[in-house]
């Protein structure tokens, strides 16, 4: 029975109450991490989670609130004398740049003490082991940067992904940030759990999609502090569309599926 733990639930702005986007999926005492927002290493310590059990990290896109915590997390693993290898899956546009930045921050592979491998997100499946299979779906979250990339001559490919996670017992969808609910709506049939950011979505479309596809549980994360303070409004709205199992995630929220 898989368990999800939201390590970081803040939106893109700085928060004194929450760390930034990061999710753990635990299957058979093995852990898999999705996104690595600022503060993830502190959140792991705060919730007494053994980072040595994390075998792979999957990044949805390269916005700082989804990647900036990775560097401190790797340093924390190094200082704790981690020995287990880890694979980090990143958008292909970022793989070489990220490798260079790790060297620039003195996180040299030869000095880490464990094998760290950067891998591009290449559908599909992106990953498979004895516990789970991970599939990637490109989404439109970064499309509004297209003119900046074109006019500035940047090499960015506007890569942003949602992930489908399948185990023997459950099907989970984790969105990261999206362009619209249509980016993952067709992934929802048969899903036991949808974990979605709540900042960029049309909530009416979200609740309709969850209800229509009979998704068992909906977890909303990635809200501003002000939106979290009015979480009851989300619950009332969800109930209008027949969404019963709505969870507004805080840092450290956990759910077994």
Protein backbone atom coordinates (compact mmCIF):
# COMPACT_ATOMS: atom_id res chain seq x y z
CA UNK A 1 0.00 0.00 0.00
CA UNK A 2 1.76 3.22 -1.12
CA UNK A 3 1.96 6.29 1.10
CA UNK A 4 2.43 9.88 -0.07
CA UNK A 5 4.04 12.55 2.10
CA UNK A 6 4.01 16.21 1.09
CA UNK A 7 7.37 17.59 2.23
CA UNK A 8 6.80 21.06 0.75
CA UNK A 9 3.52 22.72 -0.19
CA UNK A 10 4.23 26.41 -0.75
CA UNK A 11 3.52 28.20 -4.01
CA UNK A 12 6.16 30.11 -5.95
CA UNK A 13 6.39 33.01 -3.51
CA UNK A 14 8.41 32.85 -0.29
CA UNK A 15 6.54 31.54 2.74
CA UNK A 16 7.36 31.68 6.43
CA UNK A 17 5.00 28.77 7.03
CA UNK A 18 5.87 26.24 4.31
CA UNK A 19 8.76 24.90 2.28
CA UNK A 20 8.54 24.62 -1.48
CA UNK A 21 7.30 21.84 -3.72
CA UNK A 22 8.40 18.33 -2.84
CA UNK A 23 6.57 15.02 -2.53
CA UNK A 24 7.60 11.57 -1.32
CA UNK A 25 5.99 8.34 -2.45
CA UNK A 26 6.77 5.42 -0.17
CA UNK A 27 6.35 1.84 -1.43
CA UNK A 28 7.54 -1.22 0.46
CA UNK A 29 9.86 0.89 2.65
CA UNK A 30 11.44 2.45 -0.44
CA UNK A 31 11.04 6.14 -1.16
CA UNK A 32 10.81 8.13 -4.37
CA UNK A 33 10.88 11.92 -4.41
CA UNK A 34 9.09 14.23 -6.80
CA UNK A 35 10.46 17.78 -7.03
CA UNK A 36 13.00 19.32 -4.70
CA UNK A 37 11.90 22.81 -3.77
CA UNK A 38 13.76 25.04 -1.37
CA UNK A 39 13.80 23.63 2.16
CA UNK A 40 13.37 19.97 1.25
CA UNK A 41 16.46 18.89 3.20
CA UNK A 42 15.16 20.66 6.32
CA UNK A 43 11.74 19.11 5.81
CA UNK A 44 13.28 15.63 5.64
CA UNK A 45 14.99 16.28 8.97
CA UNK A 46 11.90 17.83 10.52
CA UNK A 47 9.76 14.82 9.67
CA UNK A 48 12.50 12.31 10.55
CA UNK A 49 12.68 10.79 7.10
CA UNK A 50 15.80 8.81 6.27
CA UNK A 51 17.11 10.20 2.97
CA UNK A 52 19.03 6.97 2.39
CA UNK A 53 15.70 5.34 1.52
CA UNK A 54 15.18 7.76 -1.40
CA UNK A 55 16.29 5.89 -4.49
CA UNK A 56 15.25 8.34 -7.20
CA UNK A 57 14.21 11.98 -7.58
CA UNK A 58 11.94 13.18 -10.40
CA UNK A 59 11.83 16.90 -11.25
CA UNK A 60 8.75 18.23 -13.03
CA UNK A 61 10.30 21.44 -14.39
CA UNK A 62 13.08 23.88 -13.68
CA UNK A 63 11.31 26.68 -11.84
CA UNK A 64 13.29 27.47 -8.66
CA UNK A 65 10.46 26.46 -6.32
CA UNK A 66 10.71 22.92 -7.74
CA UNK A 67 14.49 22.50 -7.99
CA UNK A 68 16.33 24.96 -5.71
CA UNK A 69 16.43 22.60 -2.73
CA UNK A 70 18.23 19.85 -4.61
CA UNK A 71 21.71 21.25 -4.03
CA UNK A 72 21.38 21.47 -0.25
CA UNK A 73 19.73 18.05 -0.25
CA UNK A 74 22.74 16.52 -2.02
CA UNK A 75 25.09 18.29 0.37
CA UNK A 76 23.11 16.95 3.32
CA UNK A 77 23.39 13.44 1.89
CA UNK A 78 27.14 13.90 1.48
CA UNK A 79 27.63 15.18 5.03
CA UNK A 80 25.54 12.31 6.42
CA UNK A 81 27.83 9.88 4.58
CA UNK A 82 25.15 8.42 2.39
CA UNK A 83 26.46 5.44 0.42
CA UNK A 84 23.45 4.34 -1.62
CA UNK A 85 23.32 5.42 -5.30
CA UNK A 86 20.60 7.80 -6.46
CA UNK A 87 19.22 8.72 -9.88
CA UNK A 88 17.86 12.21 -10.51
CA UNK A 89 15.52 12.62 -13.47
CA UNK A 90 15.39 16.14 -14.90
CA UNK A 91 14.04 17.77 -18.07
CA UNK A 92 16.53 17.09 -20.85
CA UNK A 93 17.04 20.82 -21.40
CA UNK A 94 18.58 21.08 -17.93
CA UNK A 95 20.73 17.97 -17.65
CA UNK A 96 24.07 19.38 -18.84
CA UNK A 97 23.53 22.80 -17.26
CA UNK A 98 22.63 21.20 -13.94
CA UNK A 99 25.71 18.97 -14.06
CA UNK A 100 27.87 22.06 -14.59
CA UNK A 101 26.16 23.92 -11.76
CA UNK A 102 26.71 21.03 -9.36
CA UNK A 103 30.42 21.28 -10.13
CA UNK A 104 30.26 25.05 -9.66
CA UNK A 105 28.85 24.50 -6.16
CA UNK A 106 31.62 21.96 -5.38
CA UNK A 107 29.24 19.03 -5.34
CA UNK A 108 31.72 16.99 -7.35
CA UNK A 109 30.64 13.43 -8.10
CA UNK A 110 34.04 12.15 -6.95
CA UNK A 111 33.58 13.77 -3.54
CA UNK A 112 29.96 12.97 -2.78
CA UNK A 113 30.65 9.50 -1.40
CA UNK A 114 27.76 7.96 -3.32
CA UNK A 115 26.91 7.54 -6.98
CA UNK A 116 24.63 10.30 -8.25
CA UNK A 117 23.37 10.01 -11.83
CA UNK A 118 21.54 12.73 -13.72
CA UNK A 119 19.11 11.29 -16.25
CA UNK A 120 16.84 13.07 -18.77
CA UNK A 121 13.10 12.62 -18.53
CA UNK A 122 12.40 10.54 -21.65
CA UNK A 123 8.88 9.10 -21.94
CA UNK A 124 7.88 6.33 -21.55
CA UNK A 125 8.17 4.80 -18.98
CA UNK A 126 10.69 7.10 -17.38
CA UNK A 127 11.45 4.63 -14.61
CA UNK A 128 10.59 1.12 -13.53
CA UNK A 129 11.68 -1.12 -10.67
CA UNK A 130 10.11 -3.86 -8.57
CA UNK A 131 8.00 -1.32 -6.65
CA UNK A 132 6.59 1.06 -9.21
CA UNK A 133 6.58 2.43 -12.75
CA UNK A 134 6.71 6.15 -13.52
CA UNK A 135 5.34 7.67 -16.72
CA UNK A 136 5.75 11.29 -17.83
CA UNK A 137 3.29 13.54 -19.65
CA UNK A 138 4.42 16.89 -21.05
CA UNK A 139 2.24 19.80 -19.97
CA UNK A 140 1.84 23.44 -20.96
CA UNK A 141 2.99 25.17 -17.78
CA UNK A 142 5.95 26.92 -19.43
CA UNK A 143 4.41 27.77 -22.81
CA UNK A 144 3.98 31.44 -21.92
CA UNK A 145 7.78 31.74 -22.02
CA UNK A 146 7.88 30.86 -25.73
CA UNK A 147 8.37 34.45 -26.93
CA UNK A 148 11.13 35.09 -24.37
CA UNK A 149 12.96 31.98 -25.53
CA UNK A 150 12.56 32.83 -29.21
CA UNK A 151 13.42 36.51 -28.96
CA UNK A 152 16.27 35.98 -26.51
CA UNK A 153 17.83 33.09 -28.36
CA UNK A 154 17.69 30.92 -25.25
CA UNK A 155 18.15 27.15 -25.46
CA UNK A 156 15.20 26.38 -23.17
CA UNK A 157 12.73 23.82 -24.52
CA UNK A 158 9.79 24.73 -22.25
CA UNK A 159 9.83 21.23 -20.74
CA UNK A 160 7.39 20.61 -17.91
CA UNK A 161 5.91 17.26 -16.89
CA UNK A 162 3.16 15.60 -14.94
CA UNK A 163 3.88 12.09 -13.66
CA UNK A 164 1.76 8.95 -13.46
CA UNK A 165 2.92 6.55 -10.76
CA UNK A 166 1.70 2.96 -10.88
CA UNK A 167 2.23 0.31 -8.22
CA UNK A 168 0.66 -3.10 -7.83
CA UNK A 169 -1.89 -1.55 -5.51
CA UNK A 170 -2.60 1.94 -6.85
CA UNK A 171 -2.39 4.54 -9.60
CA UNK A 172 -1.31 8.06 -8.63
CA UNK A 173 -1.06 11.23 -10.70
CA UNK A 174 1.25 14.05 -9.60
CA UNK A 175 0.98 17.21 -11.62
CA UNK A 176 3.62 19.65 -10.48
CA UNK A 177 2.55 22.89 -12.18
CA UNK A 178 0.38 22.76 -15.30
CA UNK A 179 -1.02 24.97 -18.03
CA UNK A 180 -4.59 23.76 -17.55
CA UNK A 181 -6.54 20.81 -16.21
CA UNK A 182 -6.68 19.47 -19.78
CA UNK A 183 -2.95 18.68 -19.44
CA UNK A 184 -3.74 15.67 -17.26
CA UNK A 185 -7.52 15.13 -17.46
CA UNK A 186 -7.20 12.05 -19.68
CA UNK A 187 -4.76 10.50 -17.19
CA UNK A 188 -7.32 10.47 -14.39
CA UNK A 189 -9.55 7.46 -15.24
CA UNK A 190 -8.76 4.66 -12.83
CA UNK A 191 -6.70 6.91 -10.55
CA UNK A 192 -6.75 6.37 -6.82
CA UNK A 193 -5.14 9.73 -6.13
CA UNK A 194 -4.50 13.03 -7.88
CA UNK A 195 -1.96 15.36 -6.28
CA UNK A 196 -2.23 18.71 -8.00
CA UNK A 197 -1.08 22.25 -7.55
CA UNK A 198 -3.99 24.56 -6.86
CA UNK A 199 -2.55 27.89 -7.93
CA UNK A 200 -2.69 27.75 -11.73
CA UNK A 201 -5.72 25.51 -12.21
CA UNK A 202 -9.30 26.41 -12.95
CA UNK A 203 -10.89 24.91 -9.85
CA UNK A 204 -14.26 24.28 -11.47
CA UNK A 205 -12.59 22.32 -14.27
CA UNK A 206 -10.47 20.47 -11.70
CA UNK A 207 -13.40 19.39 -9.55
CA UNK A 208 -15.43 18.38 -12.61
CA UNK A 209 -12.56 16.25 -13.92
CA UNK A 210 -12.04 14.56 -10.54
CA UNK A 211 -15.74 13.87 -10.11
CA UNK A 212 -16.31 12.69 -13.69
CA UNK A 213 -13.38 10.30 -13.58
CA UNK A 214 -14.22 9.07 -10.07
CA UNK A 215 -10.78 9.80 -8.66
CA UNK A 216 -10.78 8.38 -5.15
CA UNK A 217 -8.71 11.09 -3.44
CA UNK A 218 -7.72 14.63 -4.40
CA UNK A 219 -4.79 16.36 -2.73
CA UNK A 220 -4.35 20.06 -3.43
CA UNK A 221 -1.00 21.68 -2.71
CA UNK A 222 1.08 24.63 -3.98
CA UNK A 223 -1.22 27.38 -2.71
CA UNK A 224 -0.32 30.83 -1.42
CA UNK A 225 -0.45 31.36 2.33
CA UNK A 226 -3.58 33.46 1.87
CA UNK A 227 -5.27 30.66 -0.07
CA UNK A 228 -4.38 28.17 2.68
CA UNK A 229 -6.05 30.44 5.20
CA UNK A 230 -9.27 30.13 3.19
CA UNK A 231 -9.04 26.39 2.58
CA UNK A 232 -12.62 25.86 3.73
CA UNK A 233 -13.80 27.75 0.64
CA UNK A 234 -12.10 25.09 -1.50
CA UNK A 235 -13.84 22.32 0.40
CA UNK A 236 -17.25 23.94 -0.02
CA UNK A 237 -16.65 24.39 -3.73
CA UNK A 238 -15.45 20.80 -4.14
CA UNK A 239 -18.53 19.42 -2.41
CA UNK A 240 -20.73 21.17 -4.99
CA UNK A 241 -19.16 18.96 -7.64
CA UNK A 242 -19.40 15.78 -5.59
CA UNK A 243 -15.71 15.64 -4.64
CA UNK A 244 -15.77 13.96 -1.24
CA UNK A 245 -12.18 13.08 -0.40
CA UNK A 246 -10.44 16.44 -0.73
CA UNK A 247 -7.23 17.01 1.21
CA UNK A 248 -5.60 20.44 1.48
CA UNK A 249 -2.01 19.44 2.08
CA UNK A 250 0.32 21.08 4.57
CA UNK A 251 4.01 20.24 4.95
CA UNK A 252 4.21 16.76 6.43
CA UNK A 253 0.72 15.68 5.37
CA UNK A 254 0.58 11.95 4.65
CA UNK A 255 -1.96 9.66 3.06
CA UNK A 256 -1.96 5.90 2.50
CA UNK A 257 -3.70 4.63 -0.64
